[in-house]
Amino acid sequence: MCSSYMSESEARKDTVEIGRRMYEHGYVVTNDGNISVKISDSEIIITPTGVSKGFMTEGMLVKMNLDGDVIETDGTKPSSEVKMYLRVYKEDSAVTAVVYAHPIYVTSYAIAGIPLDEPILSEAMLQIGAVPIAKYAKPCTYNVPGRIAPFVKKYGAVLLSNHGSLTWGSSLNEAFARMEVLENYARISFVVRQLGGGRGLDSEQVSGPKEVRSNMGLAPIVMPAGRSVIESGEELIREAS
């Protein structure tokens, strides 16, 4: 249970603003992507289907309950991927916002089947830790929620194989910040790979972001394995079974 939900009016206003930022950053094109915000123990606001996230209005957003029933709409329909968002809320009651997008670098990693779990950027580790890949599932089916469910409580983001990326958080700002950090991390990782690879942090260095999160009172998340673990031949996080 969360005691700091946004008001419905705030959620609508901020969702439209985040949608605009997603569009301007190039994280989505045409009608791609979605945003959802939990406004009470039983209600959410979600972006509509068939509308560009860069040109939404507050009235276009759909109000639903956690059972997936529409409570209020101005003629628009909720995203066809709403089952995915409802599953995230079900898995972790501390989550109050979910963002789904197709940033170029992150999506490229998702298509290539490469998780973002290398210990190369402490700032990214602090905010999103290791980011695994959920196995492919046909869009708009219950298979999608089932694929991401195992990751919700222990991670802050997940790549959807051959789709895009999903981030969540205890606030809308945190969920979107994680998407920004994730794309930046993917871009840096790509450049480092072009340079021939980088020097990963060792196990002791990896513990630093863990301690910082703990000192800040943030929930623990899975971190990338330190260099000593990598060199010992142990596998990093890959797809969930």
Protein backbone atom coordinates (compact mmCIF):
# COMPACT_ATOMS: atom_id res chain seq x y z
CA MET A 1 0.00 0.00 0.00
CA CYS A 2 1.29 3.47 -0.89
CA SER A 3 0.43 6.57 1.13
CA SER A 4 1.79 9.09 -1.38
CA TYR A 5 -0.25 8.67 -4.53
CA MET A 6 -0.48 11.57 -6.95
CA SER A 7 -3.86 13.20 -7.25
CA GLU A 8 -5.73 12.37 -10.42
CA SER A 9 -5.28 15.90 -11.76
CA GLU A 10 -1.54 15.79 -11.08
CA ALA A 11 -1.24 12.37 -12.65
CA ARG A 12 -3.00 13.51 -15.81
CA LYS A 13 -0.90 16.65 -16.11
CA ASP A 14 2.42 14.89 -15.49
CA THR A 15 1.59 11.96 -17.76
CA VAL A 16 0.99 14.33 -20.66
CA GLU A 17 4.29 16.08 -19.90
CA ILE A 18 6.26 12.83 -19.70
CA GLY A 19 4.64 11.69 -22.94
CA ARG A 20 5.84 14.88 -24.61
CA ARG A 21 9.37 14.32 -23.32
CA MET A 22 9.38 10.72 -24.53
CA TYR A 23 8.37 11.87 -28.00
CA GLU A 24 10.88 14.71 -28.12
CA HIS A 25 13.70 12.45 -26.91
CA GLY A 26 12.94 10.01 -29.70
CA TYR A 27 12.00 7.24 -27.29
CA VAL A 28 8.75 6.71 -29.20
CA VAL A 29 7.46 7.38 -32.71
CA THR A 30 3.91 7.57 -34.06
CA ASN A 31 1.68 5.90 -31.44
CA ASP A 32 4.39 3.84 -29.71
CA GLY A 33 4.89 3.54 -25.97
CA ASN A 34 2.70 3.96 -22.94
CA ILE A 35 2.60 5.50 -19.48
CA SER A 36 0.58 4.45 -16.46
CA VAL A 37 0.23 6.02 -13.01
CA LYS A 38 -1.42 4.52 -9.94
CA ILE A 39 -3.59 7.13 -8.19
CA SER A 40 -5.08 5.01 -5.40
CA ASP A 41 -4.99 1.47 -4.03
CA SER A 42 -7.40 0.43 -6.77
CA GLU A 43 -7.20 2.96 -9.63
CA ILE A 44 -4.77 3.91 -12.38
CA ILE A 45 -4.48 6.41 -15.20
CA ILE A 46 -3.15 5.05 -18.50
CA THR A 47 -2.40 6.51 -21.90
CA PRO A 48 -4.84 5.77 -24.74
CA THR A 49 -4.28 3.54 -27.73
CA GLY A 50 -3.84 5.06 -31.16
CA VAL A 51 -2.54 8.44 -29.96
CA SER A 52 0.98 9.88 -30.25
CA LYS A 53 2.50 10.39 -26.81
CA GLY A 54 3.78 13.77 -27.97
CA PHE A 55 0.32 15.13 -28.68
CA MET A 56 -1.88 13.85 -25.86
CA THR A 57 -4.24 15.94 -23.79
CA GLU A 58 -5.25 15.26 -20.20
CA GLY A 59 -8.77 14.33 -21.28
CA MET A 60 -7.49 11.56 -23.55
CA LEU A 61 -6.13 9.55 -20.62
CA VAL A 62 -8.21 6.61 -19.41
CA LYS A 63 -9.04 5.88 -15.78
CA MET A 64 -9.24 2.18 -14.87
CA ASN A 65 -9.33 -0.09 -11.85
CA LEU A 66 -6.76 -2.78 -11.11
CA ASP A 67 -9.13 -5.42 -12.46
CA GLY A 68 -8.80 -3.83 -15.91
CA ASP A 69 -12.24 -2.22 -16.02
CA VAL A 70 -12.60 1.26 -17.51
CA ILE A 71 -13.95 3.74 -14.96
CA GLU A 72 -13.75 6.97 -16.91
CA THR A 73 -12.90 7.89 -20.50
CA ASP A 74 -13.60 10.70 -22.92
CA GLY A 75 -14.12 8.32 -25.82
CA THR A 76 -10.58 6.95 -25.97
CA LYS A 77 -9.63 3.34 -25.32
CA PRO A 78 -6.82 2.22 -23.00
CA SER A 79 -3.58 0.82 -24.35
CA SER A 80 -3.89 -2.73 -25.60
CA GLU A 81 -0.87 -3.52 -23.39
CA VAL A 82 -2.70 -2.58 -20.19
CA LYS A 83 -2.38 -6.16 -18.90
CA MET A 84 1.37 -5.62 -18.64
CA TYR A 85 0.99 -2.57 -16.41
CA LEU A 86 -1.62 -4.20 -14.22
CA ARG A 87 0.72 -7.14 -13.67
CA VAL A 88 3.55 -4.85 -12.52
CA TYR A 89 1.26 -3.24 -9.94
CA LYS A 90 0.11 -6.66 -8.81
CA GLU A 91 3.67 -7.92 -8.37
CA ASP A 92 4.82 -4.95 -6.27
CA SER A 93 2.42 -2.64 -4.43
CA ALA A 94 5.23 -0.10 -3.95
CA VAL A 95 5.23 0.65 -7.69
CA THR A 96 3.09 3.66 -8.62
CA ALA A 97 4.17 4.29 -12.22
CA VAL A 98 5.24 2.32 -15.28
CA VAL A 99 6.79 3.58 -18.51
CA TYR A 100 7.15 1.63 -21.75
CA ALA A 101 9.13 2.93 -24.72
CA HIS A 102 11.34 2.03 -27.68
CA PRO A 103 14.56 4.07 -27.29
CA ILE A 104 16.92 3.31 -30.17
CA TYR A 105 19.91 1.92 -28.28
CA VAL A 106 17.94 0.07 -25.62
CA THR A 107 15.67 -1.50 -28.21
CA SER A 108 18.68 -2.51 -30.28
CA TYR A 109 20.07 -4.39 -27.29
CA ALA A 110 16.68 -6.05 -26.77
CA ILE A 111 16.63 -7.17 -30.40
CA ALA A 112 20.23 -8.39 -30.24
CA GLY A 113 19.45 -10.35 -27.09
CA ILE A 114 22.11 -8.59 -25.02
CA PRO A 115 21.18 -7.68 -21.43
CA LEU A 116 22.52 -4.46 -19.95
CA ASP A 117 24.26 -6.08 -17.02
CA GLU A 118 27.92 -5.10 -17.31
CA PRO A 119 29.50 -3.24 -14.34
CA ILE A 120 30.81 -0.31 -16.37
CA LEU A 121 28.86 2.75 -15.22
CA SER A 122 28.35 3.34 -11.51
CA GLU A 123 25.72 6.06 -12.00
CA ALA A 124 23.54 3.71 -14.03
CA MET A 125 24.08 0.93 -11.52
CA LEU A 126 22.96 3.21 -8.71
CA GLN A 127 19.65 3.98 -10.40
CA ILE A 128 18.74 0.84 -12.33
CA GLY A 129 21.26 -1.86 -11.39
CA ALA A 130 21.44 -4.77 -13.83
CA VAL A 131 18.84 -4.93 -16.58
CA PRO A 132 17.84 -8.41 -17.84
CA ILE A 133 15.91 -9.49 -20.91
CA ALA A 134 12.46 -11.06 -20.74
CA LYS A 135 11.88 -13.73 -23.35
CA TYR A 136 9.79 -12.88 -26.39
CA ALA A 137 6.02 -12.90 -26.07
CA LYS A 138 3.34 -12.04 -28.59
CA PRO A 139 2.22 -8.41 -28.03
CA CYS A 140 -1.13 -7.75 -26.37
CA THR A 141 -1.38 -11.24 -24.87
CA TYR A 142 -1.19 -12.50 -21.29
CA ASN A 143 2.17 -14.03 -22.15
CA VAL A 144 3.76 -10.56 -21.96
CA PRO A 145 2.83 -9.94 -18.29
CA GLY A 146 3.94 -13.46 -17.47
CA ARG A 147 7.37 -12.83 -18.99
CA ILE A 148 8.06 -9.67 -16.98
CA ALA A 149 6.53 -10.75 -13.67
CA PRO A 150 9.66 -12.49 -12.31
CA PHE A 151 11.70 -9.28 -12.62
CA VAL A 152 9.46 -6.66 -11.01
CA LYS A 153 10.43 -6.92 -7.35
CA LYS A 154 14.18 -7.33 -7.79
CA TYR A 155 14.87 -4.99 -10.71
CA GLY A 156 14.05 -1.45 -11.85
CA ALA A 157 13.82 -2.16 -15.56
CA VAL A 158 13.62 -4.96 -18.09
CA LEU A 159 14.22 -5.30 -21.81
CA LEU A 160 11.48 -7.06 -23.76
CA SER A 161 13.01 -9.30 -26.39
CA ASN A 162 12.36 -7.85 -29.86
CA HIS A 163 10.13 -5.14 -28.38
CA GLY A 164 11.38 -2.28 -26.23
CA SER A 165 11.97 -1.53 -22.57
CA LEU A 166 9.86 -1.25 -19.45
CA THR A 167 10.76 0.78 -16.36
CA TRP A 168 8.84 1.33 -13.14
CA GLY A 169 9.22 3.18 -9.87
CA SER A 170 7.69 4.59 -6.72
CA SER A 171 6.82 7.76 -8.67
CA LEU A 172 6.30 8.77 -12.28
CA ASN A 173 9.48 10.86 -12.17
CA GLU A 174 11.48 7.85 -11.01
CA ALA A 175 10.00 5.56 -13.66
CA PHE A 176 10.84 8.01 -16.44
CA ALA A 177 14.27 8.84 -15.01
CA ARG A 178 15.07 5.14 -15.13
CA MET A 179 14.12 5.10 -18.83
CA GLU A 180 16.46 8.03 -19.48
CA VAL A 181 19.29 6.39 -17.54
CA LEU A 182 18.67 3.09 -19.30
CA GLU A 183 18.97 4.61 -22.77
CA ASN A 184 22.08 6.57 -21.78
CA TYR A 185 23.63 3.41 -20.35
CA ALA A 186 22.82 1.48 -23.55
CA ARG A 187 24.36 4.19 -25.70
CA ILE A 188 27.54 4.31 -23.62
CA SER A 189 27.73 0.51 -23.61
CA PHE A 190 27.46 0.50 -27.40
CA VAL A 191 30.28 3.04 -27.79
CA VAL A 192 32.48 1.15 -25.34
CA ARG A 193 31.96 -2.02 -27.36
CA GLN A 194 33.02 -0.15 -30.52
CA LEU A 195 36.20 0.90 -28.72
CA GLY A 196 37.04 -2.70 -28.01
CA GLY A 197 35.46 -3.07 -24.59
CA GLY A 198 35.94 -1.39 -21.25
CA ARG A 199 37.28 -2.21 -17.82
CA GLY A 200 34.42 -3.32 -15.63
CA LEU A 201 34.25 -2.52 -11.93
CA ASP A 202 35.39 -5.25 -9.58
CA SER A 203 33.21 -6.84 -6.92
CA GLU A 204 34.26 -4.40 -4.21
CA GLN A 205 33.56 -1.42 -6.44
CA VAL A 206 30.16 -2.81 -7.38
CA SER A 207 29.26 -2.86 -3.70
CA GLY A 208 29.51 0.94 -3.66
CA PRO A 209 26.19 1.66 -5.42
CA LYS A 210 24.54 -0.96 -3.22
CA GLU A 211 25.68 0.87 -0.09
CA VAL A 212 24.61 4.25 -1.46
CA ARG A 213 21.13 2.94 -2.23
CA SER A 214 20.91 1.46 1.25
CA ASN A 215 22.03 4.71 2.88
CA MET A 216 19.41 6.59 0.87
CA GLY A 217 16.71 4.23 2.08
CA LEU A 218 16.08 2.87 -1.43
CA ALA A 219 14.90 -0.66 -2.05
CA PRO A 220 17.65 -3.11 -3.05
CA ILE A 221 17.92 -4.08 -6.70
CA VAL A 222 20.05 -6.65 -8.46
CA MET A 223 23.46 -5.28 -9.44
CA PRO A 224 25.78 -6.43 -12.24
CA ALA A 225 28.36 -9.00 -11.23
CA GLY A 226 31.78 -7.51 -10.43
CA ARG A 227 34.79 -8.10 -12.64
CA SER A 228 36.24 -10.81 -10.40
CA VAL A 229 33.01 -12.81 -10.81
CA ILE A 230 33.04 -12.30 -14.56
CA GLU A 231 36.67 -13.42 -14.82
CA SER A 232 35.93 -16.54 -12.79
CA GLY A 233 33.64 -17.69 -15.57
CA GLU A 234 30.33 -17.27 -13.75
CA GLU A 235 27.51 -16.16 -16.02
CA LEU A 236 25.88 -12.77 -15.77
CA ILE A 237 22.14 -12.33 -15.69
CA ARG A 238 20.50 -13.60 -18.82
CA GLU A 239 16.96 -14.41 -19.82
CA ALA A 240 14.62 -15.72 -17.16
CA SER A 241 13.80 -19.34 -17.59
